[in-house]
Each structure stands twice: as C-alpha cells, then as structure tokens.
Protein backbone atom coordinates (compact mmCIF):
# COMPACT_ATOMS: atom_id res chain seq x y z
CA UNK A 1 0.04 -0.13 0.01
CA UNK A 2 0.90 3.65 -0.34
CA UNK A 3 0.65 5.15 3.18
CA UNK A 4 0.80 8.94 4.03
CA UNK A 5 2.20 9.47 7.79
CA UNK A 6 2.39 12.83 9.68
CA UNK A 7 4.66 13.27 12.63
CA UNK A 8 7.14 15.46 14.09
CA UNK A 9 9.50 13.53 16.16
CA UNK A 10 13.03 11.84 15.38
CA UNK A 11 14.01 8.28 15.10
CA UNK A 12 13.46 7.34 18.76
CA UNK A 13 9.90 8.08 18.87
CA UNK A 14 6.94 5.65 18.26
CA UNK A 15 5.67 7.24 14.79
CA UNK A 16 9.23 6.74 13.19
CA UNK A 17 9.36 3.24 14.58
CA UNK A 18 5.76 2.27 13.13
CA UNK A 19 6.99 3.97 9.92
CA UNK A 20 10.08 1.86 9.81
CA UNK A 21 7.88 -1.33 10.64
CA UNK A 22 5.33 -0.46 7.89
CA UNK A 23 8.44 -0.11 5.34
CA UNK A 24 9.69 -3.69 6.28
CA UNK A 25 6.41 -4.98 5.73
CA UNK A 26 6.56 -3.72 2.23
CA UNK A 27 4.57 -0.61 2.18
CA UNK A 28 5.50 2.67 0.78
CA UNK A 29 5.41 5.44 3.35
CA UNK A 30 5.48 9.00 2.41
CA UNK A 31 6.26 11.03 5.82
CA UNK A 32 5.69 14.63 6.39
CA UNK A 33 6.60 16.87 9.30
CA UNK A 34 9.63 18.84 10.53
CA UNK A 35 11.68 16.44 12.35
CA UNK A 36 13.12 17.15 15.75
CA UNK A 37 16.23 14.80 14.61
CA UNK A 38 18.70 16.44 12.13
CA UNK A 39 19.50 13.05 10.89
CA UNK A 40 15.81 12.32 9.93
CA UNK A 41 14.69 13.88 6.77
CA UNK A 42 10.96 13.47 6.06
CA UNK A 43 9.68 13.61 2.34
CA UNK A 44 7.74 16.93 2.97
CA UNK A 45 8.87 19.21 5.85
CA UNK A 46 7.44 22.58 5.07
CA UNK A 47 3.98 23.08 6.39
CA UNK A 48 0.81 24.97 5.12
CA UNK A 49 0.29 27.39 7.73
CA UNK A 50 -3.41 27.99 9.05
CA UNK A 51 -3.45 31.65 9.97
CA UNK A 52 -0.39 31.52 12.37
CA UNK A 53 2.12 28.90 13.53
CA UNK A 54 1.32 27.13 16.88
CA UNK A 55 4.58 26.49 18.76
CA UNK A 56 5.88 23.05 17.63
CA UNK A 57 2.45 22.26 15.68
CA UNK A 58 2.42 21.88 12.14
CA UNK A 59 -0.52 21.73 9.75
CA UNK A 60 -0.59 20.10 6.21
CA UNK A 61 -3.18 20.35 3.46
CA UNK A 62 -4.14 16.83 2.54
CA UNK A 63 -5.18 17.97 -0.99
CA UNK A 64 -1.94 19.80 -1.75
CA UNK A 65 0.04 16.55 -0.68
CA UNK A 66 -2.25 14.39 -2.97
CA UNK A 67 -1.48 16.67 -5.71
CA UNK A 68 2.37 16.46 -5.21
CA UNK A 69 2.46 12.76 -4.40
CA UNK A 70 -0.58 11.08 -5.81
CA UNK A 71 -3.38 9.09 -4.14
CA UNK A 72 -2.86 6.97 -1.11
CA UNK A 73 -4.27 3.87 0.42
CA UNK A 74 -4.21 5.12 4.00
CA UNK A 75 -3.38 8.12 6.04
CA UNK A 76 -1.96 7.99 9.70
CA UNK A 77 -1.24 11.09 11.80
CA UNK A 78 0.61 10.59 15.10
CA UNK A 79 -0.10 13.28 17.46
CA UNK A 80 1.22 15.49 18.91
CA UNK A 81 3.16 17.59 16.55
CA UNK A 82 1.11 17.52 13.01
CA UNK A 83 -2.40 17.60 11.66
CA UNK A 84 -3.62 17.10 8.31
CA UNK A 85 -6.71 19.20 7.21
CA UNK A 86 -9.05 18.66 4.10
CA UNK A 87 -9.09 15.09 5.05
CA UNK A 88 -12.37 14.59 3.29
CA UNK A 89 -10.45 15.01 -0.12
CA UNK A 90 -8.53 11.83 0.29
CA UNK A 91 -10.69 8.98 -0.71
CA UNK A 92 -8.92 6.42 1.59
CA UNK A 93 -9.21 5.27 5.29
CA UNK A 94 -7.29 7.52 7.96
CA UNK A 95 -6.52 7.21 11.51
CA UNK A 96 -4.69 9.42 14.46
CA UNK A 97 -2.57 7.88 17.05
CA UNK A 98 -2.85 10.07 20.19
CA UNK A 99 0.30 9.55 22.24
CA UNK A 100 0.66 12.48 24.90
CA UNK A 101 -2.72 14.21 25.12
CA UNK A 102 -6.36 14.03 25.38
CA UNK A 103 -8.25 14.78 22.01
CA UNK A 104 -10.55 17.19 23.54
CA UNK A 105 -13.31 18.78 21.25
CA UNK A 106 -11.97 22.28 22.50
CA UNK A 107 -8.35 21.27 21.98
CA UNK A 108 -7.10 24.59 20.38
CA UNK A 109 -5.37 22.60 17.53
CA UNK A 110 -8.33 20.53 16.94
CA UNK A 111 -10.69 23.32 17.35
CA UNK A 112 -8.61 25.14 14.46
CA UNK A 113 -9.35 22.09 12.39
CA UNK A 114 -13.04 22.15 13.07
CA UNK A 115 -13.69 20.76 16.50
CA UNK A 116 -16.17 17.98 16.34
CA UNK A 117 -16.60 18.17 12.51
CA UNK A 118 -12.84 17.37 12.32
CA UNK A 119 -13.03 14.48 14.88
CA UNK A 120 -15.99 13.07 12.73
CA UNK A 121 -13.50 12.98 9.78
CA UNK A 122 -11.10 10.74 11.70
CA UNK A 123 -11.82 7.08 10.59
CA UNK A 124 -10.26 5.66 13.84
CA UNK A 125 -8.69 7.12 16.96
CA UNK A 126 -5.92 5.11 18.84
CA UNK A 127 -4.92 6.40 22.17
CA UNK A 128 -1.80 5.26 23.98
CA UNK A 129 -3.51 5.99 27.34
CA UNK A 130 -5.98 3.23 28.35
CA UNK A 131 -7.52 5.38 31.10
CA UNK A 132 -8.38 8.23 28.51
CA UNK A 133 -10.98 5.91 26.78
CA UNK A 134 -13.84 6.34 29.09
CA UNK A 135 -13.50 10.16 28.67
CA UNK A 136 -13.75 9.92 24.83
CA UNK A 137 -17.03 8.01 25.46
CA UNK A 138 -18.23 10.54 27.67
CA UNK A 139 -17.67 13.00 24.84
CA UNK A 140 -19.68 10.76 22.53
CA UNK A 141 -16.49 9.73 20.50
CA UNK A 142 -16.96 5.84 19.87
CA UNK A 143 -14.36 5.25 17.17
CA UNK A 144 -11.54 5.03 19.57
CA UNK A 145 -9.28 2.17 20.77
CA UNK A 146 -6.24 1.51 23.02
CA UNK A 147 -2.98 1.22 21.08
CA UNK A 148 -0.05 0.82 23.70
CA UNK A 149 3.41 2.07 22.96
CA UNK A 150 6.14 -0.68 22.35
CA UNK A 151 9.67 -1.62 21.84
CA UNK A 152 11.94 -2.11 18.73
CA UNK A 153 14.28 -5.12 18.83
CA UNK A 154 16.37 -3.37 16.28
CA UNK A 155 17.06 -0.63 18.78
CA UNK A 156 16.35 -2.04 22.14
CA UNK A 157 18.87 -4.79 22.49
CA UNK A 158 20.18 -6.80 25.57
CA UNK A 159 23.82 -6.25 25.90
CA UNK A 160 26.23 -7.75 28.34
CA UNK A 161 28.08 -5.57 31.01
CA UNK A 162 29.13 -5.57 34.59
CA UNK A 163 26.22 -4.50 36.89
CA UNK A 164 27.93 -1.60 38.48
CA UNK A 165 24.63 0.30 39.65
CA UNK A 166 21.98 -0.76 42.08
CA UNK A 167 19.45 1.57 40.27
CA UNK A 168 19.51 2.96 36.87
CA UNK A 169 16.93 5.48 35.36
CA UNK A 170 16.87 7.03 32.06
CA UNK A 171 14.11 9.54 31.23
CA UNK A 172 12.42 12.63 32.01
CA UNK A 173 12.99 13.68 35.50
CA UNK A 174 10.76 16.85 35.60
CA UNK A 175 7.59 15.06 36.87
CA UNK A 176 6.90 15.87 40.56
CA UNK A 177 5.88 12.30 41.71
CA UNK A 178 8.69 10.60 39.62
CA UNK A 179 11.14 13.13 40.88
CA UNK A 180 10.18 12.26 44.55
CA UNK A 181 10.94 8.53 44.06
CA UNK A 182 14.24 9.31 42.24
CA UNK A 183 15.31 11.47 45.09
CA UNK A 184 14.57 8.66 47.37
CA UNK A 185 16.22 6.11 45.49
CA UNK A 186 19.42 8.45 45.04
CA UNK A 187 19.57 8.77 48.77
CA UNK A 188 19.66 5.22 49.56
CA UNK A 189 21.31 3.33 46.71
CA UNK A 190 24.05 3.42 44.09
CA UNK A 191 22.01 4.94 41.48
CA UNK A 192 22.61 6.46 37.84
CA UNK A 193 20.17 8.92 36.65
CA UNK A 194 20.31 10.31 33.10
CA UNK A 195 18.21 11.56 30.24
CA UNK A 196 20.08 10.46 27.22
CA UNK A 197 18.57 8.21 24.69
CA UNK A 198 21.20 7.64 22.08
CA UNK A 199 20.53 3.93 21.82
CA UNK A 200 24.21 2.54 22.25
CA UNK A 201 24.31 4.42 25.63
CA UNK A 202 20.74 3.62 26.63
CA UNK A 203 21.21 -0.19 26.12
CA UNK A 204 24.70 0.12 27.82
CA UNK A 205 23.68 1.82 30.90
CA UNK A 206 20.63 -0.43 31.26
CA UNK A 207 22.89 -3.44 31.05
CA UNK A 208 24.74 -1.77 34.10
CA UNK A 209 21.74 -1.97 36.32
CA UNK A 210 20.84 -4.50 38.79
CA UNK A 211 17.26 -3.00 38.95
CA UNK A 212 15.83 -0.48 36.20
CA UNK A 213 13.62 1.93 37.74
CA UNK A 214 10.37 3.17 36.07
CA UNK A 215 7.52 5.40 37.07
CA UNK A 216 4.73 6.02 34.47
CA UNK A 217 3.66 9.50 34.79
CA UNK A 218 0.00 9.57 36.16
CA UNK A 219 -0.18 5.75 35.76
CA UNK A 220 0.66 5.91 32.02
CA UNK A 221 2.17 2.82 30.34
CA UNK A 222 5.19 4.81 28.81
CA UNK A 223 7.83 3.74 26.00
CA UNK A 224 10.22 2.73 28.89
CA UNK A 225 7.89 -0.09 30.07
CA UNK A 226 8.49 -2.16 26.85
CA UNK A 227 12.11 -0.84 26.10
CA UNK A 228 13.33 -1.92 29.49
CA UNK A 229 11.62 -5.58 28.94
CA UNK A 230 13.10 -5.71 25.34
CA UNK A 231 16.76 -4.93 26.93
CA UNK A 232 16.49 -7.90 29.25
CA UNK A 233 16.29 -5.35 32.20
CA UNK A 234 14.88 -6.51 35.68
CA UNK A 235 12.17 -3.54 35.98
CA UNK A 236 10.50 -2.12 38.91
CA UNK A 237 7.62 0.11 37.94
CA UNK A 238 4.42 1.50 39.42
CA UNK A 239 1.20 -0.33 38.38
CA UNK A 240 0.36 1.41 34.95
CA UNK A 241 -3.10 1.60 33.21
CA UNK A 242 -3.68 -1.42 31.04
CA UNK A 243 -0.91 -3.49 32.33
CA UNK A 244 -3.10 -6.36 33.35
CA UNK A 245 -5.27 -6.46 30.05
CA UNK A 246 -2.04 -6.98 28.29
CA UNK A 247 -1.09 -9.86 30.56
CA UNK A 248 2.03 -8.06 32.39
CA UNK A 249 2.12 -9.49 35.68
CA UNK A 250 3.66 -8.55 38.90
CA UNK A 251 6.60 -10.68 39.82
CA UNK A 252 6.33 -12.57 36.71
CA UNK A 253 7.26 -10.04 33.82
CA UNK A 254 8.35 -7.02 36.26
CA UNK A 255 8.01 -6.10 39.76
CA UNK A 256 5.40 -3.45 40.67
CA UNK A 257 5.29 -0.98 43.74
CA UNK A 258 2.69 1.29 45.28
CA UNK A 259 4.21 3.71 47.72
CA UNK A 260 7.52 4.80 49.18
CA UNK A 261 7.63 2.15 51.82
CA UNK A 262 6.72 -0.77 49.37
CA UNK A 263 9.39 0.51 46.79
CA UNK A 264 12.04 0.41 49.37
CA UNK A 265 11.02 -2.86 50.73
CA UNK A 266 10.86 -4.42 47.30
CA UNK A 267 14.21 -3.31 46.26
CA UNK A 268 15.64 -4.48 49.56
CA UNK A 269 14.20 -7.87 48.66
CA UNK A 270 15.81 -8.23 45.31
CA UNK A 271 19.06 -6.37 46.16
CA UNK A 272 19.74 -7.84 49.94
CA UNK A 273 17.10 -10.88 50.33
CA UNK A 274 19.66 -13.40 49.96
CA UNK A 275 23.02 -14.35 48.69
CA UNK A 276 24.28 -12.72 45.26
CA UNK A 277 23.88 -15.84 43.03
CA UNK A 278 20.35 -16.37 44.43
CA UNK A 279 19.25 -12.63 43.53
CA UNK A 280 20.87 -12.66 40.33
CA UNK A 281 19.03 -15.64 39.30
CA UNK A 282 15.64 -14.31 40.89
CA UNK A 283 16.00 -11.03 38.94
CA UNK A 284 17.13 -12.76 35.70
CA UNK A 285 14.22 -15.00 35.50
CA UNK A 286 11.65 -12.14 35.80
CA UNK A 287 13.72 -9.96 33.37
CA UNK A 288 13.93 -12.82 30.57
CA UNK A 289 10.24 -13.73 31.08
CA UNK A 290 9.34 -10.11 30.64
CA UNK A 291 11.63 -9.89 27.57
CA UNK A 292 9.96 -12.86 26.03
CA UNK A 293 6.41 -11.37 26.31
CA UNK A 294 7.45 -7.95 25.04
CA UNK A 295 9.17 -9.20 21.87
CA UNK A 296 6.34 -11.75 21.31
CA UNK A 297 3.54 -9.31 21.24
CA UNK A 298 4.56 -5.75 21.90
CA UNK A 299 6.93 -4.59 19.19
CA UNK A 300 6.23 -1.61 16.98
CA UNK A 301 5.66 -4.11 14.15
CA UNK A 302 2.93 -5.56 16.22
CA UNK A 303 1.51 -2.26 16.56
CA UNK A 304 1.65 -1.44 13.00
CA UNK A 305 -0.18 -4.56 12.26
CA UNK A 306 -2.86 -3.79 14.60
CA UNK A 307 -3.35 -0.46 12.98
CA UNK A 308 -3.97 -1.90 9.68
CA UNK A 309 -6.12 -4.52 10.90
CA UNK A 310 -8.37 -2.44 13.04
CA UNK A 311 -8.80 -0.06 9.87
CA UNK A 312 -9.56 -3.03 7.85
CA UNK A 313 -6.69 -2.88 5.61
CA UNK A 314 -5.24 -6.47 6.08
C-alpha cells in the first residue's frame, strides 16, 4: 500500500518506529513533518500554515500532498506535532494515534481544524493511554481504541556488561511524583540517573543496572515499560493503566510498587534478600520472562499490524 504519515519527532519516537515497521512490511510510506532529529529527513517538511504557527505544531493540506505525491491507500497521523486538514479530499481510510494528550473537542489545535466536525472525519482514533478511553466515550466519541506504546528489537537490545549500579533510570526527571521517587532512590542506593536516549548509551546503561526503575507519569504505560523488557532488564515500575489487560503480571514479567515504603521494601528484597547468586537468578528469571513477552507481542511491528487490521486494511 501507499501510506501517508504525519509526525514531528525523530527516530526514537513511536511514529518513526511504526514507519520503519510499515516499510519492512513492504509498504511505501511518505512521511511529512519537520523532524526534531537532524538525521531524519521527511519527504515533505514545510507545512501549510493555517493563519498562524502554533509552537511546535504543524498543519498540512491533504489535497496539496495528494497533488504532489498522488493518491494514498491509508493516512496515519501521530499526535502531537502534525495535523492534516482537508482530510475529506482523500478517498481512503485514515487514523490518528494520540500519544501525549487527550483529544478534546476544545483542544485548540483540533478546534482550529473544525472541532467535532474534524473528529468526525477521523476514521479511527487510537490512544496510548488506556485510562483516557472512558473520557472519549463521555464526549460521544466511539471510534477509539487502545494502542499501547512498544519496543523495537532493532534498537532495544540486550547487551552484556558488569552490573555496577544498584538502580538505573533514564528519562524525564521533571515530573513531580517521579522526581520524588528518584530522590528517594538516590539517597539510599548506588544510582545512575540520566536523560540520554542515544541507543548505544541507553542499552549500555541499562545493562549496568541490577534494577531498572520506571515510573509511569499519572499511571501511563510509557515507552520505557516495553523498552526495558526488550533489553532484558529487571524492571521495577508502578502499576500502570492497561498493564493487566496486556497480561503483564507483577513478579512474573516485572515487579510493581505502590508507595515509598513498598518501593524500598521491594528493592531490599531483590538487592539484599539472599546471597548474590540467588538474587541474580531471581532477577534474571523475571527479566527474561518479561523480555520474551515484550518481543512476542509488543514491538512496533505488532502495533503497525494492529493499526492496519483495525482499519480494515489487512
């Protein structure tokens, strides 16, 4: 098929990983949107501005893209970052994958598109946040389903290294509740905290951890949830929305925590609750079970296949 994709982010994001998966499946993908990664060059970068430019948001005229590139079999937008307008000029199915926000009818970007009338043009809405689906239904939006984030085995690889850190966390440290837990861990354990996502660095730091910490902001199932498993990491994470529906079980695929006390007690169990060979085996068993499950059903190729299937394209 010929697929038109719109997204803003570079090659570490879910949109680019889905594009990569679709291409591996044999589809032709035309991607538009200024990339935040200077290495990534989209087929069309310059947007058509609607009245004025919103910071970091880009708008594209579907009709002009079709005039330039020809007809498509499917259109996929990945929010936030880009929006297609004049979608009704395209005689093909379309979908949007909402990653970071709720798709409110009064969202300023959606309102600029036409509000509810624009939402009605969207053939399918996918959201990465399972707990947002009831809110869509309250707004009367029924054509929505859960599409979680995922991992990419070509990027998120298990590597061998000496486990020199008790705890490793790589990611955004600005969320208040996550910052609280990170401060607690830093005060008690040999902890590495960083924000780099260059993937050789990411994989190597994860490999140096006895325990990889994760905290889904407001209970979201973030990218790290799947990536750590793919890298063979022993993950301790708060309970995230949708985890149980995907079959990820506490103390089988990862270890969950609820509170400060629970986190410290759980880390103590897996760091100090026996002799070192026993603890290594205990952590490794959970890590490898998590890895097998993540790679068996939660890669971006699985997500690409699900998008096409739900939209009736395979």
